[in-house]
Amino acid sequence: MFGGRKTQATPGISGSQAPTPMQGNAPTGVSRQPVGFETVLGANSMLKGDLRSAANVRLDGTFEGTLNIEGNILIGETAKITADIHAKNISIAGAVRGNVSGNKIQLLRTGRVWGDINATAITTEEGAFIDGKITMVGHPALTAGFGPVSLPAPEAPIAEDAVSGEPVEAELVDHHEVPPAESNPAMSDKHED
């Protein structure tokens, strides 16, 4: 169309038989998440409204509204987002004012969030900022609660042998029942000559 090039049809393959880019080696009937970003908002761009996407999205500019993304979303370092964000996995390197919910949320060292975070898993790098409540959804601790049953049993203390320095299992002593000095030669006040 532009530049006057003509495309040649491959001999022996009609238009209905030509493989589509998504077919590749993928099994029939299985949709795969595309690699990379289908939608990108550049650093010098501004957008207001509701953004919905079934694929991956990268935002480096200014966005105001709501984000409902079925794929992954990357909020770049230069991004200024004023929106509630819901996506599969979310990486935040820029500024977000709004609630964030997803499966896995990653706050990078330059990431800043003013809002609540709901996630199955969350990671934060040193330097990241959060001003809001974090709720772990689907975590086993939610149903187990906090109590002695949910905590692991303490291990027996390990002591060292005074002579050899080898580790030995310590005996727990009831401080109310201290043996008399006569039965313990180390504690005796009597010196034998």
Protein backbone atom coordinates (compact mmCIF):
# COMPACT_ATOMS: atom_id res chain seq x y z
CA MET A 1 0.00 0.00 0.00
CA PHE A 2 2.69 2.54 0.99
CA GLY A 3 5.85 2.29 -1.05
CA GLY A 4 4.37 0.25 -3.89
CA ARG A 5 5.44 -3.20 -2.76
CA LYS A 6 3.24 -6.06 -3.79
CA THR A 7 2.83 -9.10 -1.61
CA GLN A 8 3.06 -12.50 -3.20
CA ALA A 9 0.78 -15.33 -2.22
CA THR A 10 2.58 -18.46 -1.17
CA PRO A 11 2.00 -21.10 -3.83
CA GLY A 12 -0.25 -23.94 -2.69
CA ILE A 13 -1.67 -22.09 0.38
CA SER A 14 -4.90 -20.18 0.11
CA GLY A 15 -5.83 -17.37 2.53
CA SER A 16 -7.93 -19.66 4.73
CA GLN A 17 -5.08 -22.18 5.11
CA ALA A 18 -2.35 -19.70 6.04
CA PRO A 19 -1.23 -20.01 9.68
CA THR A 20 -2.15 -17.13 11.96
CA PRO A 21 0.51 -15.61 14.20
CA MET A 22 -1.16 -16.92 17.39
CA GLN A 23 -1.29 -20.53 16.16
CA GLY A 24 2.44 -21.26 16.16
CA ASN A 25 3.09 -24.44 18.13
CA ALA A 26 0.37 -23.81 20.73
CA PRO A 27 -2.20 -26.56 21.26
CA THR A 28 -5.55 -25.98 19.60
CA GLY A 29 -8.11 -24.17 21.75
CA VAL A 30 -5.56 -22.79 24.25
CA SER A 31 -5.18 -19.02 24.38
CA ARG A 32 -1.80 -17.80 25.51
CA GLN A 33 -1.00 -14.55 27.27
CA PRO A 34 0.90 -12.37 24.80
CA VAL A 35 4.50 -11.52 25.62
CA GLY A 36 5.29 -7.83 25.99
CA PHE A 37 2.77 -5.00 26.16
CA GLU A 38 -0.18 -4.64 23.83
CA THR A 39 -1.07 -1.16 25.15
CA VAL A 40 1.46 1.51 26.10
CA LEU A 41 0.78 5.02 27.40
CA GLY A 42 3.96 7.01 26.75
CA ALA A 43 5.69 9.29 29.27
CA ASN A 44 4.44 12.46 27.51
CA SER A 45 0.84 11.24 27.23
CA MET A 46 -2.22 11.95 29.38
CA LEU A 47 -5.43 9.93 29.39
CA LYS A 48 -8.67 10.19 31.38
CA GLY A 49 -11.35 7.51 31.49
CA ASP A 50 -11.83 3.78 31.98
CA LEU A 51 -9.23 1.50 30.47
CA ARG A 52 -10.12 -2.16 30.03
CA SER A 53 -7.79 -4.66 28.39
CA ALA A 54 -7.46 -8.42 28.09
CA ALA A 55 -3.71 -8.11 27.47
CA ASN A 56 -0.66 -6.57 29.13
CA VAL A 57 -0.51 -2.79 29.64
CA ARG A 58 2.36 -0.40 30.37
CA LEU A 59 1.74 3.11 31.67
CA ASP A 60 4.53 5.70 31.69
CA GLY A 61 2.38 8.83 31.40
CA THR A 62 -0.47 10.39 33.37
CA PHE A 63 -3.73 8.46 33.75
CA GLU A 64 -6.91 9.33 35.65
CA GLY A 65 -9.91 7.00 35.91
CA THR A 66 -10.15 3.23 36.41
CA LEU A 67 -7.97 0.38 35.18
CA ASN A 68 -9.42 -3.12 34.72
CA ILE A 69 -6.75 -5.24 33.13
CA GLU A 70 -7.05 -9.03 32.66
CA GLY A 71 -3.33 -9.28 31.92
CA ASN A 72 -0.36 -7.74 33.68
CA ILE A 73 0.27 -4.04 34.18
CA LEU A 74 3.51 -2.11 34.62
CA ILE A 75 3.39 1.39 36.10
CA GLY A 76 6.66 2.95 34.91
CA GLU A 77 8.87 5.33 36.90
CA THR A 78 7.51 8.44 35.15
CA ALA A 79 3.84 7.42 35.55
CA LYS A 80 1.37 9.41 37.64
CA ILE A 81 -1.78 7.33 38.07
CA THR A 82 -4.94 8.49 39.85
CA ALA A 83 -7.09 5.40 39.56
CA ASP A 84 -8.23 2.19 41.17
CA ILE A 85 -6.24 -0.60 39.55
CA HIS A 86 -7.35 -4.21 39.15
CA ALA A 87 -5.08 -6.54 37.18
CA LYS A 88 -3.62 -10.04 37.22
CA ASN A 89 -0.09 -9.00 38.23
CA ILE A 90 0.99 -5.42 38.92
CA SER A 91 4.49 -3.91 39.02
CA ILE A 92 4.68 -0.34 40.31
CA ALA A 93 7.71 1.89 39.76
CA GLY A 94 5.80 5.20 39.57
CA ALA A 95 3.16 7.02 41.62
CA VAL A 96 -0.35 5.62 42.21
CA ARG A 97 -3.21 7.35 44.06
CA GLY A 98 -5.95 4.76 44.40
CA ASN A 99 -6.61 1.21 45.52
CA VAL A 100 -4.62 -1.60 43.94
CA SER A 101 -5.81 -5.22 43.71
CA GLY A 102 -4.41 -8.23 41.94
CA ASN A 103 -2.82 -11.64 42.28
CA LYS A 104 0.81 -10.55 42.67
CA ILE A 105 1.81 -6.97 43.37
CA GLN A 106 5.39 -5.79 43.18
CA LEU A 107 6.47 -2.38 44.49
CA LEU A 108 9.81 -1.43 43.04
CA ARG A 109 12.21 0.92 44.85
CA THR A 110 10.82 4.02 43.09
CA GLY A 111 7.17 2.93 43.50
CA ARG A 112 4.75 4.98 45.62
CA VAL A 113 1.17 4.04 46.51
CA TRP A 114 -1.39 6.17 48.35
CA GLY A 115 -4.22 3.66 48.74
CA ASP A 116 -5.12 0.17 49.93
CA ILE A 117 -3.50 -2.94 48.46
CA ASN A 118 -5.30 -6.31 48.16
CA ALA A 119 -3.16 -9.17 46.85
CA THR A 120 -2.40 -12.86 47.12
CA ALA A 121 1.33 -12.04 47.18
CA ILE A 122 3.20 -8.77 47.58
CA THR A 123 6.87 -7.85 47.32
CA THR A 124 8.45 -4.51 48.08
CA GLU A 125 11.93 -3.28 47.40
CA GLU A 126 13.77 -1.07 49.85
CA GLY A 127 12.77 2.52 49.16
CA ALA A 128 9.19 1.80 48.07
CA PHE A 129 6.44 3.85 49.75
CA ILE A 130 2.95 2.72 50.85
CA ASP A 131 0.36 4.85 52.62
CA GLY A 132 -2.59 2.52 53.03
CA LYS A 133 -3.76 -0.85 54.28
CA ILE A 134 -2.39 -4.12 52.91
CA THR A 135 -4.68 -7.15 52.85
CA MET A 136 -3.44 -10.60 51.86
CA VAL A 137 -6.34 -12.37 50.13
CA GLY A 138 -6.39 -16.15 49.94
CA HIS A 139 -3.57 -16.58 52.46
CA PRO A 140 -3.84 -19.60 54.84
CA ALA A 141 -3.30 -17.34 57.86
CA LEU A 142 -6.67 -15.69 57.18
CA THR A 143 -8.53 -18.87 58.12
CA ALA A 144 -6.08 -20.13 60.77
CA GLY A 145 -6.05 -16.89 62.70
CA PHE A 146 -3.48 -16.05 65.34
CA GLY A 147 -3.03 -18.49 68.17
CA PRO A 148 -0.74 -21.14 69.58
CA VAL A 149 -2.03 -23.71 67.11
CA SER A 150 -0.87 -21.69 64.11
CA LEU A 151 2.63 -21.11 65.52
CA PRO A 152 5.39 -23.73 65.17
CA ALA A 153 6.45 -25.59 68.34
CA PRO A 154 9.68 -24.25 69.87
CA GLU A 155 12.75 -26.40 69.51
CA ALA A 156 14.64 -27.76 72.52
CA PRO A 157 17.46 -25.38 73.47
CA ILE A 158 20.98 -26.42 72.56
CA ALA A 159 23.82 -26.02 75.06
CA GLU A 160 27.54 -26.60 74.79
CA ASP A 161 29.55 -29.03 76.88
CA ALA A 162 31.81 -26.97 79.17
CA VAL A 163 34.87 -29.12 78.50
CA SER A 164 34.63 -30.20 74.87
CA GLY A 165 32.50 -27.36 73.48
CA GLU A 166 30.34 -29.91 71.65
CA PRO A 167 26.62 -29.18 71.39
CA VAL A 168 24.43 -31.13 73.81
CA GLU A 169 20.70 -31.07 74.44
CA ALA A 170 19.94 -28.91 77.43
CA GLU A 171 17.79 -30.23 80.20
CA LEU A 172 14.93 -28.06 81.30
CA VAL A 173 15.23 -27.49 85.04
CA ASP A 174 12.32 -26.66 87.27
CA HIS A 175 13.64 -23.74 89.30
CA HIS A 176 11.35 -24.64 92.19
CA GLU A 177 13.11 -27.94 92.76
CA VAL A 178 16.80 -27.09 93.18
CA PRO A 179 18.85 -30.10 94.36
CA PRO A 180 20.54 -29.70 97.76
CA ALA A 181 24.20 -28.67 97.76
CA GLU A 182 25.36 -32.00 99.29
CA SER A 183 24.12 -34.00 96.30
CA ASN A 184 25.80 -31.69 93.80
CA PRO A 185 29.59 -31.57 94.32
CA ALA A 186 29.99 -28.49 92.13
CA MET A 187 27.59 -26.54 94.37
CA SER A 188 29.06 -27.78 97.69
CA ASP A 189 30.68 -25.32 100.09
CA LYS A 190 32.83 -28.08 101.60
CA HIS A 191 36.32 -28.41 100.32
CA GLU A 192 38.11 -31.68 100.70
CA ASP A 193 41.79 -31.64 101.61
